C-alpha cells in the first residue's frame, strides 16, 4: 500500500511539471506575439503619421486656391482623355437611348501639386482628395442619367506625379440619347455617339483632346448585345458653339451597330409569308364550299393584323414607313386580295347560275319525251364530256343560233346505263372539281404566287 501511494505521488509530480512547462512556453509565445504585433502596429502608425504630414506638405493643398484652374490667366490648359468601355448594357428603340459603363480617365498638369522626390514615384489617392483640388468639369452631352459607382466605395482614383502631372480616373455608367433612323428596320444599322465636353471652361481656358488619338478608346473583347452586332468603335472631336457662352471642345465616342436579322425572320417574316401562302389554298377549294373559303380568308386576315400589331407595339411611333411595315402591309394586301378574289368568284357564280335558271325556264318545252332528263351545260363542256357522264345519250339539242352562251341538252337514260353511270361518277370526281373551278381561280393560282415572289426579290435586293 505505501508503495502504491508513492507511485501516485510521483505521477502527480510529473504531471504538474509538464503542465508548468507548457504554461511557461505558452506565456512566452504570447509575449513574443504581443511584442511583434506592437512593433508592427507602432511601425504602421508611425508611417501613417509620417505620410500624412508629408502629403500635406508636399502637395501644399492648403497653400493654393484650387477653385481656379491651373495657370489661370494664361493659355488654355490641355486635358487629355482616354476611355475604356467596360460594357454596352442596353439599346432601347422605344426610348432611343443606350446605356454604357466605362472607365473615364483625364490627364493634365498642375504645377501646384508638384513635389520633390528622389525615386520619381507617384502617389495614389482615392476620391477624398479629389474634393480638395481642381479637376476638369467634364460632363456627358445629351445624357439622360449617369452616376459614378460607389460600391463598396467611390470608384475614383487620383494619381499625382512629382512633376505635377495628374491622372484622374473614375468608373461611370451613363444613359445617353441616340438618334436612330428606323426606315430600314429591322435591316438597319445604327450609329450612336457618347459626347464629352467641359461645362464651364471654353476652348480659351481648357482644351480637351484624345490623348492617343483612336488608341485612346479601348473596348472589352467580351462586349456583346443580343440584338446587335458591334461593328466599330472610333473617336472624333470638334468644336461646339453656344450663342450665350462661346466655343467648347467636344469629344465623341462613336460606335456602329448592325441589327441581327435572324430573330425577325423567325418572329415576323416567316409567319407573314406562311399566312400569305395559306391564303392561296382557297384557290384550290371548290367555289361552292363557301364556309371553307370564307373562314380561311378571315383567319389569315386576322393573323396578319395580329402580326402587324405585335411588331409596332415594340417600336416607337415614328411618322415614316419602316422596311418591316412595307413587307407586312404588302403581305396583308395579298391576303386581303385573296378574300376579295373569292368574293368576285362567288358573285360571278351567282350571276352565272341566274342566267342558267332563266335559260332553263325559257327552254322548258322539252317535256313529253319518255324517260328523258334535261341538263344545262355551260360552254366549257365538250361533247366528249357530255358522253362521259356514264350512260347518257344525246337525244336532241338546241340549235347554236338560239344559245350564244349556253346549250340545253336532252338526254335519254336507258335502264342499262344505270350501273355504268354509278361507276363513272367515282372516276370523274377530279374532273368535276376542275369543271367547278372558276376561271378567276385558275388565273389566281399563277398570278398571286408569281407577283409575291417578284415582290420578295425586289424587297430583299433593296433593303438587305
Protein backbone atom coordinates (compact mmCIF):
# COMPACT_ATOMS: atom_id res chain seq x y z
CA UNK A 1 0.00 0.00 0.00
CA UNK A 2 2.79 2.58 0.77
CA UNK A 3 4.45 1.63 -2.49
CA UNK A 4 1.27 2.37 -4.44
CA UNK A 5 0.88 5.76 -2.70
CA UNK A 6 4.44 6.76 -3.62
CA UNK A 7 3.80 5.81 -7.22
CA UNK A 8 0.71 8.04 -7.36
CA UNK A 9 2.61 10.96 -5.86
CA UNK A 10 5.40 10.53 -8.41
CA UNK A 11 2.94 10.53 -11.32
CA UNK A 12 1.20 13.62 -9.94
CA UNK A 13 4.51 15.48 -9.67
CA UNK A 14 5.40 14.59 -13.25
CA UNK A 15 2.05 15.87 -14.49
CA UNK A 16 2.49 19.16 -12.64
CA UNK A 17 5.98 19.57 -14.07
CA UNK A 18 4.78 19.02 -17.68
CA UNK A 19 1.84 21.41 -17.28
CA UNK A 20 4.04 24.11 -15.79
CA UNK A 21 6.42 23.87 -18.75
CA UNK A 22 3.54 24.09 -21.25
CA UNK A 23 2.11 27.10 -19.48
CA UNK A 24 5.51 28.84 -19.36
CA UNK A 25 6.05 28.14 -23.09
CA UNK A 26 2.56 29.45 -23.93
CA UNK A 27 3.18 32.65 -21.99
CA UNK A 28 6.48 33.15 -23.76
CA UNK A 29 4.89 32.66 -27.19
CA UNK A 30 2.09 35.07 -26.34
CA UNK A 31 4.60 37.61 -25.13
CA UNK A 32 6.55 37.36 -28.38
CA UNK A 33 3.36 37.71 -30.46
CA UNK A 34 2.32 40.76 -28.48
CA UNK A 35 5.72 42.33 -28.90
CA UNK A 36 5.75 41.60 -32.64
CA UNK A 37 2.21 42.96 -33.12
CA UNK A 38 3.03 46.00 -31.06
CA UNK A 39 6.15 46.60 -33.12
CA UNK A 40 4.20 46.26 -36.39
CA UNK A 41 1.41 48.49 -35.09
CA UNK A 42 3.85 51.15 -33.99
CA UNK A 43 5.65 50.95 -37.30
CA UNK A 44 2.44 51.28 -39.34
CA UNK A 45 1.13 54.00 -37.09
CA UNK A 46 4.30 55.92 -37.44
CA UNK A 47 4.28 55.53 -41.21
CA UNK A 48 0.69 56.76 -41.40
CA UNK A 49 1.52 59.82 -39.36
CA UNK A 50 4.63 60.46 -41.35
CA UNK A 51 2.89 60.13 -44.77
CA UNK A 52 0.03 62.29 -43.61
CA UNK A 53 2.31 65.10 -42.71
CA UNK A 54 4.35 64.72 -45.91
CA UNK A 55 1.27 64.70 -48.11
CA UNK A 56 0.01 67.98 -46.71
CA UNK A 57 3.46 69.50 -47.07
CA UNK A 58 4.34 68.03 -50.47
CA UNK A 59 1.06 68.75 -52.28
CA UNK A 60 0.56 72.11 -50.49
CA UNK A 61 -3.21 71.70 -50.72
CA UNK A 62 -3.87 74.48 -48.20
CA UNK A 63 -1.48 76.95 -49.79
CA UNK A 64 -3.32 77.36 -53.12
CA UNK A 65 -6.81 78.22 -54.28
CA UNK A 66 -7.82 75.12 -56.17
CA UNK A 67 -11.12 76.64 -57.24
CA UNK A 68 -9.11 78.23 -60.06
CA UNK A 69 -7.79 76.20 -62.94
CA UNK A 70 -4.03 75.63 -63.32
CA UNK A 71 -2.17 78.51 -64.97
CA UNK A 72 -5.16 80.75 -64.53
CA UNK A 73 -4.96 83.82 -66.78
CA UNK A 74 -2.57 82.07 -69.15
CA UNK A 75 -3.12 79.83 -72.16
CA UNK A 76 -5.68 77.04 -72.17
CA UNK A 77 -4.72 74.02 -70.11
CA UNK A 78 -4.62 70.81 -72.19
CA UNK A 79 -6.57 67.91 -70.71
CA UNK A 80 -6.05 64.54 -72.37
CA UNK A 81 -8.82 61.95 -72.22
CA UNK A 82 -8.90 58.22 -72.78
CA UNK A 83 -11.76 55.79 -72.27
CA UNK A 84 -12.07 52.08 -71.72
CA UNK A 85 -15.56 50.77 -72.41
CA UNK A 86 -16.41 48.05 -69.93
CA UNK A 87 -19.88 47.14 -71.21
CA UNK A 88 -22.60 48.30 -73.54
CA UNK A 89 -25.56 47.39 -71.40
CA UNK A 90 -28.67 48.03 -73.49
CA UNK A 91 -30.07 49.66 -76.61
CA UNK A 92 -33.66 50.90 -76.43
CA UNK A 93 -35.52 51.60 -79.68
CA UNK A 94 -38.59 52.90 -77.87
CA UNK A 95 -36.68 55.47 -75.79
CA UNK A 96 -33.97 55.95 -78.44
CA UNK A 97 -31.09 55.72 -75.97
CA UNK A 98 -28.26 53.43 -74.90
CA UNK A 99 -26.56 52.62 -71.60
CA UNK A 100 -22.78 52.27 -71.33
CA UNK A 101 -20.38 51.58 -68.47
CA UNK A 102 -16.86 52.94 -68.93
CA UNK A 103 -13.64 53.97 -67.25
CA UNK A 104 -13.10 57.69 -67.90
CA UNK A 105 -9.55 58.97 -67.39
CA UNK A 106 -8.20 62.55 -67.52
CA UNK A 107 -4.59 63.64 -67.81
CA UNK A 108 -3.34 67.15 -67.10
CA UNK A 109 -0.52 69.00 -65.38
CA UNK A 110 -0.97 71.11 -62.28
CA UNK A 111 2.33 72.54 -61.07
CA UNK A 112 0.76 73.42 -57.76
CA UNK A 113 0.73 69.68 -56.94
CA UNK A 114 4.39 69.05 -57.84
CA UNK A 115 6.64 67.71 -55.08
CA UNK A 116 10.30 66.70 -54.74
CA UNK A 117 11.04 63.00 -54.98
CA UNK A 118 14.26 61.02 -55.07
CA UNK A 119 12.75 57.90 -56.69
CA UNK A 120 10.29 59.71 -59.01
CA UNK A 121 7.40 57.60 -57.75
CA UNK A 122 3.82 58.78 -57.90
CA UNK A 123 1.32 58.92 -55.07
CA UNK A 124 -2.13 57.41 -55.39
CA UNK A 125 -5.24 58.60 -53.54
CA UNK A 126 -8.94 57.86 -53.51
CA UNK A 127 -11.87 60.18 -54.01
CA UNK A 128 -11.42 62.09 -50.75
CA UNK A 129 -8.56 64.18 -52.12
CA UNK A 130 -10.49 64.99 -55.29
CA UNK A 131 -12.72 67.36 -53.33
CA UNK A 132 -9.69 69.43 -52.26
CA UNK A 133 -8.01 70.02 -55.64
CA UNK A 134 -9.02 71.20 -59.12
CA UNK A 135 -10.31 68.57 -61.57
CA UNK A 136 -11.80 69.03 -65.08
CA UNK A 137 -15.56 69.60 -65.12
CA UNK A 138 -16.28 67.17 -67.95
CA UNK A 139 -19.91 66.13 -68.45
CA UNK A 140 -21.82 63.94 -70.92
CA UNK A 141 -23.76 65.88 -73.51
CA UNK A 142 -27.30 64.61 -74.24
CA UNK A 143 -27.15 62.24 -71.28
CA UNK A 144 -30.38 61.25 -69.54
CA UNK A 145 -28.93 59.55 -66.48
CA UNK A 146 -25.40 58.98 -65.22
CA UNK A 147 -23.69 58.07 -61.96
CA UNK A 148 -20.30 57.18 -60.53
CA UNK A 149 -20.21 53.72 -58.99
CA UNK A 150 -19.89 53.80 -55.21
CA UNK A 151 -19.74 50.11 -54.22
CA UNK A 152 -18.02 49.39 -51.94
CA UNK A 153 -16.59 52.88 -52.06
CA UNK A 154 -16.49 55.65 -54.65
CA UNK A 155 -14.82 54.24 -57.77
CA UNK A 156 -12.43 57.20 -58.13
CA UNK A 157 -8.67 57.14 -58.37
CA UNK A 158 -6.25 60.09 -58.28
CA UNK A 159 -2.56 59.65 -59.06
CA UNK A 160 -0.12 62.56 -58.68
CA UNK A 161 3.41 62.52 -60.13
CA UNK A 162 6.36 64.54 -58.79
CA UNK A 163 6.38 66.91 -61.78
CA UNK A 164 2.73 67.83 -61.24
CA UNK A 165 1.12 65.52 -63.81
CA UNK A 166 -2.20 64.15 -62.61
CA UNK A 167 -4.19 61.07 -63.61
CA UNK A 168 -7.84 61.21 -62.62
CA UNK A 169 -9.90 58.06 -63.26
CA UNK A 170 -13.50 57.14 -62.48
CA UNK A 171 -15.96 54.37 -63.31
CA UNK A 172 -19.18 55.75 -64.75
CA UNK A 173 -22.45 54.38 -66.10
CA UNK A 174 -24.27 56.75 -68.43
CA UNK A 175 -27.54 56.57 -70.36
CA UNK A 176 -27.41 58.89 -73.36
CA UNK A 177 -29.66 59.76 -76.25
CA UNK A 178 -29.13 58.17 -79.66
CA UNK A 179 -30.98 59.48 -82.69
CA UNK A 180 -31.97 56.35 -84.60
CA UNK A 181 -33.33 56.01 -88.12
CA UNK A 182 -35.77 53.11 -88.47
CA UNK A 183 -36.54 53.49 -92.18
CA UNK A 184 -34.67 50.20 -92.84
CA UNK A 185 -35.78 48.42 -89.63
CA UNK A 186 -35.04 45.54 -88.97
CA UNK A 187 -32.41 45.51 -91.72
CA UNK A 188 -30.81 48.64 -90.31
CA UNK A 189 -27.51 49.84 -88.88
CA UNK A 190 -27.39 52.47 -86.14
CA UNK A 191 -24.56 54.85 -85.24
CA UNK A 192 -24.62 56.27 -81.72
CA UNK A 193 -22.29 58.75 -80.02
CA UNK A 194 -21.32 59.50 -76.44
CA UNK A 195 -20.22 63.15 -76.24
CA UNK A 196 -17.88 64.67 -73.62
CA UNK A 197 -17.45 68.37 -73.02
CA UNK A 198 -16.36 70.84 -70.36
CA UNK A 199 -19.32 72.54 -68.76
CA UNK A 200 -17.76 75.82 -67.62
CA UNK A 201 -14.43 76.27 -69.45
CA UNK A 202 -14.41 77.35 -73.09
CA UNK A 203 -11.64 76.46 -75.52
CA UNK A 204 -9.74 79.54 -74.30
CA UNK A 205 -9.41 78.04 -70.81
CA UNK A 206 -9.48 74.27 -71.31
CA UNK A 207 -8.57 72.19 -74.35
CA UNK A 208 -9.99 68.68 -74.36
CA UNK A 209 -8.31 66.21 -76.70
CA UNK A 210 -7.95 62.47 -77.16
CA UNK A 211 -4.66 61.57 -75.52
CA UNK A 212 -3.59 58.93 -78.07
CA UNK A 213 -5.95 59.52 -80.99
CA UNK A 214 -8.00 56.44 -81.87
CA UNK A 215 -5.85 54.43 -79.48
CA UNK A 216 -7.44 56.40 -76.66
CA UNK A 217 -10.56 54.25 -76.91
CA UNK A 218 -10.31 50.68 -75.64
CA UNK A 219 -13.12 48.14 -75.52
CA UNK A 220 -13.59 44.89 -73.69
CA UNK A 221 -13.48 41.89 -76.02
CA UNK A 222 -16.45 40.34 -74.22
CA UNK A 223 -18.86 43.14 -75.13
CA UNK A 224 -21.88 41.72 -76.95
CA UNK A 225 -25.54 42.52 -77.43
CA UNK A 226 -28.47 40.20 -78.06
CA UNK A 227 -29.96 42.13 -80.98
CA UNK A 228 -26.93 43.95 -82.40
CA UNK A 229 -23.50 43.22 -83.78
CA UNK A 230 -20.95 45.84 -82.73
CA UNK A 231 -19.11 46.68 -85.92
CA UNK A 232 -16.80 49.55 -85.00
CA UNK A 233 -15.71 51.93 -82.23
CA UNK A 234 -13.89 55.15 -83.13
CA UNK A 235 -13.25 58.63 -81.78
CA UNK A 236 -13.72 62.11 -83.22
CA UNK A 237 -13.57 65.67 -81.89
CA UNK A 238 -14.80 69.09 -82.92
CA UNK A 239 -15.81 72.49 -81.56
CA UNK A 240 -19.32 73.13 -80.30
CA UNK A 241 -20.74 76.65 -80.25
CA UNK A 242 -23.26 78.09 -77.81
CA UNK A 243 -24.57 81.55 -78.56
CA UNK A 244 -24.50 82.63 -74.91
CA UNK A 245 -21.16 81.24 -73.75
CA UNK A 246 -18.89 80.58 -76.73
CA UNK A 247 -16.90 77.69 -78.22
CA UNK A 248 -16.18 74.42 -76.41
CA UNK A 249 -14.08 71.37 -77.24
CA UNK A 250 -16.26 68.30 -77.64
CA UNK A 251 -15.09 64.69 -77.83
CA UNK A 252 -17.13 61.90 -79.43
CA UNK A 253 -17.16 58.16 -78.79
CA UNK A 254 -18.83 56.74 -81.91
CA UNK A 255 -19.90 53.14 -82.33
CA UNK A 256 -21.79 51.43 -85.16
CA UNK A 257 -24.31 48.66 -84.53
CA UNK A 258 -25.87 46.29 -87.05
CA UNK A 259 -29.06 44.50 -86.08
CA UNK A 260 -29.27 40.71 -86.10
CA UNK A 261 -31.95 39.73 -88.64
CA UNK A 262 -32.47 36.07 -87.68
CA UNK A 263 -34.79 36.87 -84.77
CA UNK A 264 -37.09 38.91 -87.00
CA UNK A 265 -37.00 36.26 -89.70
CA UNK A 266 -38.40 33.74 -87.23
CA UNK A 267 -40.86 36.05 -85.50
CA UNK A 268 -42.09 38.28 -88.33
CA UNK A 269 -41.08 37.45 -91.89
CA UNK A 270 -41.63 33.68 -91.89
CA UNK A 271 -45.09 33.84 -90.22
CA UNK A 272 -46.20 36.60 -92.59
CA UNK A 273 -45.01 34.63 -95.61
CA UNK A 274 -46.75 31.47 -94.41
CA UNK A 275 -50.01 33.37 -93.90
CA UNK A 276 -49.85 34.64 -97.47
CA UNK A 277 -49.19 31.14 -98.79
CA UNK A 278 -52.02 29.78 -96.63
CA UNK A 279 -54.43 32.26 -98.22
CA UNK A 280 -53.60 30.76 -101.62
CA UNK A 281 -55.01 27.39 -100.55
CA UNK A 282 -58.53 28.77 -101.12
CA UNK A 283 -57.84 28.91 -104.88
CA UNK A 284 -57.82 25.09 -104.95
CA UNK A 285 -61.02 24.71 -102.89
CA UNK A 286 -64.34 24.23 -104.68
CA UNK A 287 -66.01 27.57 -105.24
CA UNK A 288 -69.27 26.18 -103.82
CA UNK A 289 -67.57 25.43 -100.45
CA UNK A 290 -68.44 28.84 -99.07
CA UNK A 291 -67.76 28.16 -95.32
CA UNK A 292 -64.31 26.71 -96.01
CA UNK A 293 -63.08 29.53 -98.23
CA UNK A 294 -64.59 32.33 -96.15
CA UNK A 295 -63.23 31.01 -92.83
CA UNK A 296 -59.77 30.50 -94.35
CA UNK A 297 -59.68 34.05 -95.69
CA UNK A 298 -60.88 35.65 -92.45
CA UNK A 299 -58.37 33.61 -90.40
CA UNK A 300 -55.39 34.73 -92.48
CA UNK A 301 -56.52 38.37 -92.40
CA UNK A 302 -56.86 38.37 -88.60
CA UNK A 303 -53.49 36.64 -88.17
CA UNK A 304 -51.75 39.23 -90.32
CA UNK A 305 -53.38 42.00 -88.29
CA UNK A 306 -52.04 40.40 -85.09
CA UNK A 307 -48.51 40.19 -86.51
CA UNK A 308 -48.57 43.85 -87.57
CA UNK A 309 -49.86 44.96 -84.15
CA UNK A 310 -47.21 42.93 -82.30
CA UNK A 311 -44.35 44.39 -84.31
CA UNK A 312 -45.50 48.00 -83.90
CA UNK A 313 -46.08 47.57 -80.16
CA UNK A 314 -42.32 47.30 -79.53
CA UNK A 315 -41.37 50.22 -81.77
CA UNK A 316 -41.53 54.00 -81.32
CA UNK A 317 -44.37 55.78 -83.05
CA UNK A 318 -42.36 57.26 -85.90
CA UNK A 319 -44.02 59.22 -88.67
CA UNK A 320 -42.29 57.44 -91.55
CA UNK A 321 -42.63 53.96 -93.03
CA UNK A 322 -40.24 51.24 -91.90
CA UNK A 323 -38.99 48.38 -94.04
CA UNK A 324 -40.88 45.84 -91.97
CA UNK A 325 -44.07 47.88 -92.46
CA UNK A 326 -43.69 47.61 -96.22
CA UNK A 327 -43.32 43.84 -96.06
CA UNK A 328 -46.16 43.27 -93.61
CA UNK A 329 -48.62 45.58 -95.32
CA UNK A 330 -47.90 44.17 -98.76
CA UNK A 331 -48.42 40.69 -97.31
CA UNK A 332 -51.64 41.91 -95.72
CA UNK A 333 -52.81 43.24 -99.09
CA UNK A 334 -52.13 39.85 -100.70
CA UNK A 335 -54.16 38.10 -98.01
CA UNK A 336 -56.96 40.63 -98.33
CA UNK A 337 -57.00 40.31 -102.13
CA UNK A 338 -57.41 36.55 -101.79
CA UNK A 339 -60.59 37.21 -99.82
CA UNK A 340 -61.79 39.68 -102.45
CA UNK A 341 -60.93 37.14 -105.14
CA UNK A 342 -63.37 34.66 -103.68
CA UNK A 343 -65.99 37.39 -103.32
CA UNK A 344 -65.64 38.05 -107.05
CA UNK A 345 -65.78 34.31 -107.84
CA UNK A 346 -68.87 33.86 -105.69
CA UNK A 347 -70.60 36.86 -107.27
CA UNK A 348 -69.87 35.74 -110.85
CA UNK A 349 -71.02 32.21 -110.00
CA UNK A 350 -74.31 33.60 -108.69
CA UNK A 351 -74.77 35.65 -111.84
CA UNK A 352 -73.99 32.60 -113.99
CA UNK A 353 -76.50 30.41 -112.15
CA UNK A 354 -79.15 33.09 -112.53
CA UNK A 355 -78.62 33.12 -116.28
CA UNK A 356 -78.80 29.33 -116.40
CA UNK A 357 -82.06 29.40 -114.48
CA UNK A 358 -83.55 31.84 -116.96
CA UNK A 359 -82.41 29.67 -119.88
CA UNK A 360 -83.90 26.60 -118.22
CA UNK A 361 -87.21 28.35 -117.81
CA UNK A 362 -87.05 29.53 -121.43
CA UNK A 363 -86.40 26.06 -122.90
CA UNK A 364 -88.64 24.05 -120.58
CA UNK A 365 -90.72 22.75 -123.58
CA UNK A 366 -88.74 19.52 -123.80
CA UNK A 367 -91.26 17.69 -121.66
CA UNK A 368 -93.17 14.82 -123.22
CA UNK A 369 -90.16 12.71 -124.21
CA UNK A 370 -90.39 9.44 -122.23
CA UNK A 371 -87.58 8.54 -119.84
CA UNK A 372 -85.65 11.73 -120.57
CA UNK A 373 -83.81 14.21 -118.45
CA UNK A 374 -82.91 17.80 -119.29
CA UNK A 375 -79.47 19.11 -118.24
CA UNK A 376 -77.96 22.57 -118.51
CA UNK A 377 -74.33 22.59 -119.58
CA UNK A 378 -72.20 25.69 -119.83
CA UNK A 379 -69.94 26.44 -122.74
CA UNK A 380 -66.97 24.71 -121.16
CA UNK A 381 -68.49 21.25 -121.62
CA UNK A 382 -67.38 19.42 -124.75
CA UNK A 383 -69.22 16.63 -126.50
CA UNK A 384 -66.87 14.04 -125.02
CA UNK A 385 -67.58 15.42 -121.55
CA UNK A 386 -71.28 15.03 -122.09
CA UNK A 387 -70.86 11.47 -123.39
CA UNK A 388 -68.64 10.56 -120.45
CA UNK A 389 -71.43 11.02 -117.95
CA UNK A 390 -71.81 7.22 -117.90
CA UNK A 391 -74.99 6.08 -119.58
CA UNK A 392 -76.44 9.27 -121.01
CA UNK A 393 -77.06 9.62 -124.74
CA UNK A 394 -77.74 12.82 -126.51
CA UNK A 395 -81.33 13.00 -127.78
CA UNK A 396 -81.76 16.50 -129.06
CA UNK A 397 -80.01 19.83 -128.78
CA UNK A 398 -80.99 23.45 -129.12
CA UNK A 399 -79.58 25.00 -132.29
CA UNK A 400 -76.41 27.08 -131.99
CA UNK A 401 -78.08 30.31 -133.06
CA UNK A 402 -80.57 30.06 -130.18
CA UNK A 403 -77.89 29.69 -127.44
CA UNK A 404 -74.95 32.00 -127.79
CA UNK A 405 -73.54 31.10 -124.37
CA UNK A 406 -75.42 28.06 -123.09
CA UNK A 407 -76.88 24.92 -124.57
CA UNK A 408 -79.69 22.70 -123.38
CA UNK A 409 -79.11 19.01 -123.93
CA UNK A 410 -81.90 16.47 -123.70
CA UNK A 411 -80.55 13.14 -122.66
CA UNK A 412 -82.47 9.91 -122.60
CA UNK A 413 -81.46 7.49 -119.90
CA UNK A 414 -81.73 3.76 -120.56
CA UNK A 415 -82.02 1.08 -117.96
CA UNK A 416 -78.70 -0.46 -119.00
CA UNK A 417 -76.76 2.72 -118.21
CA UNK A 418 -77.63 2.99 -114.51
CA UNK A 419 -74.89 0.75 -113.19
CA UNK A 420 -72.24 2.16 -115.52
CA UNK A 421 -73.19 5.73 -114.54
CA UNK A 422 -72.61 4.95 -110.85
CA UNK A 423 -69.17 3.58 -111.60
CA UNK A 424 -68.29 6.55 -113.78
CA UNK A 425 -69.15 9.11 -111.08
CA UNK A 426 -66.28 7.97 -108.88
CA UNK A 427 -63.76 8.25 -111.71
CA UNK A 428 -64.79 11.74 -112.64
CA UNK A 429 -64.74 13.42 -109.21
CA UNK A 430 -61.48 15.17 -110.02
CA UNK A 431 -62.83 16.22 -113.41
CA UNK A 432 -65.95 17.69 -111.88
CA UNK A 433 -63.86 19.65 -109.33
CA UNK A 434 -61.87 21.11 -112.18
CA UNK A 435 -65.08 21.88 -114.03
CA UNK A 436 -66.44 23.64 -110.91
CA UNK A 437 -63.34 25.87 -110.77
CA UNK A 438 -63.91 29.39 -111.96
CA UNK A 439 -61.55 30.96 -114.48
CA UNK A 440 -60.54 33.59 -111.88
CA UNK A 441 -59.28 30.81 -109.57
CA UNK A 442 -57.20 29.35 -112.39
CA UNK A 443 -55.50 32.65 -113.11
CA UNK A 444 -55.06 33.44 -109.39
CA UNK A 445 -53.08 30.24 -108.87
CA UNK A 446 -50.37 31.70 -111.10
CA UNK A 447 -50.70 35.46 -110.64
CA UNK A 448 -50.66 35.58 -106.82
CA UNK A 449 -47.54 33.41 -106.22
CA UNK A 450 -45.67 34.96 -109.14
CA UNK A 451 -46.36 38.52 -108.00
CA UNK A 452 -45.43 37.76 -104.39
CA UNK A 453 -42.15 36.12 -105.41
CA UNK A 454 -41.34 39.14 -107.58
CA UNK A 455 -42.07 41.45 -104.64
CA UNK A 456 -39.73 39.46 -102.37
CA UNK A 457 -36.91 39.64 -104.89
CA UNK A 458 -37.22 43.43 -105.10
CA UNK A 459 -37.63 43.85 -101.32
CA UNK A 460 -34.59 41.83 -100.27
CA UNK A 461 -32.41 43.29 -103.01
CA UNK A 462 -33.22 46.85 -101.90
CA UNK A 463 -33.11 46.55 -98.09
CA UNK A 464 -30.53 43.82 -97.48
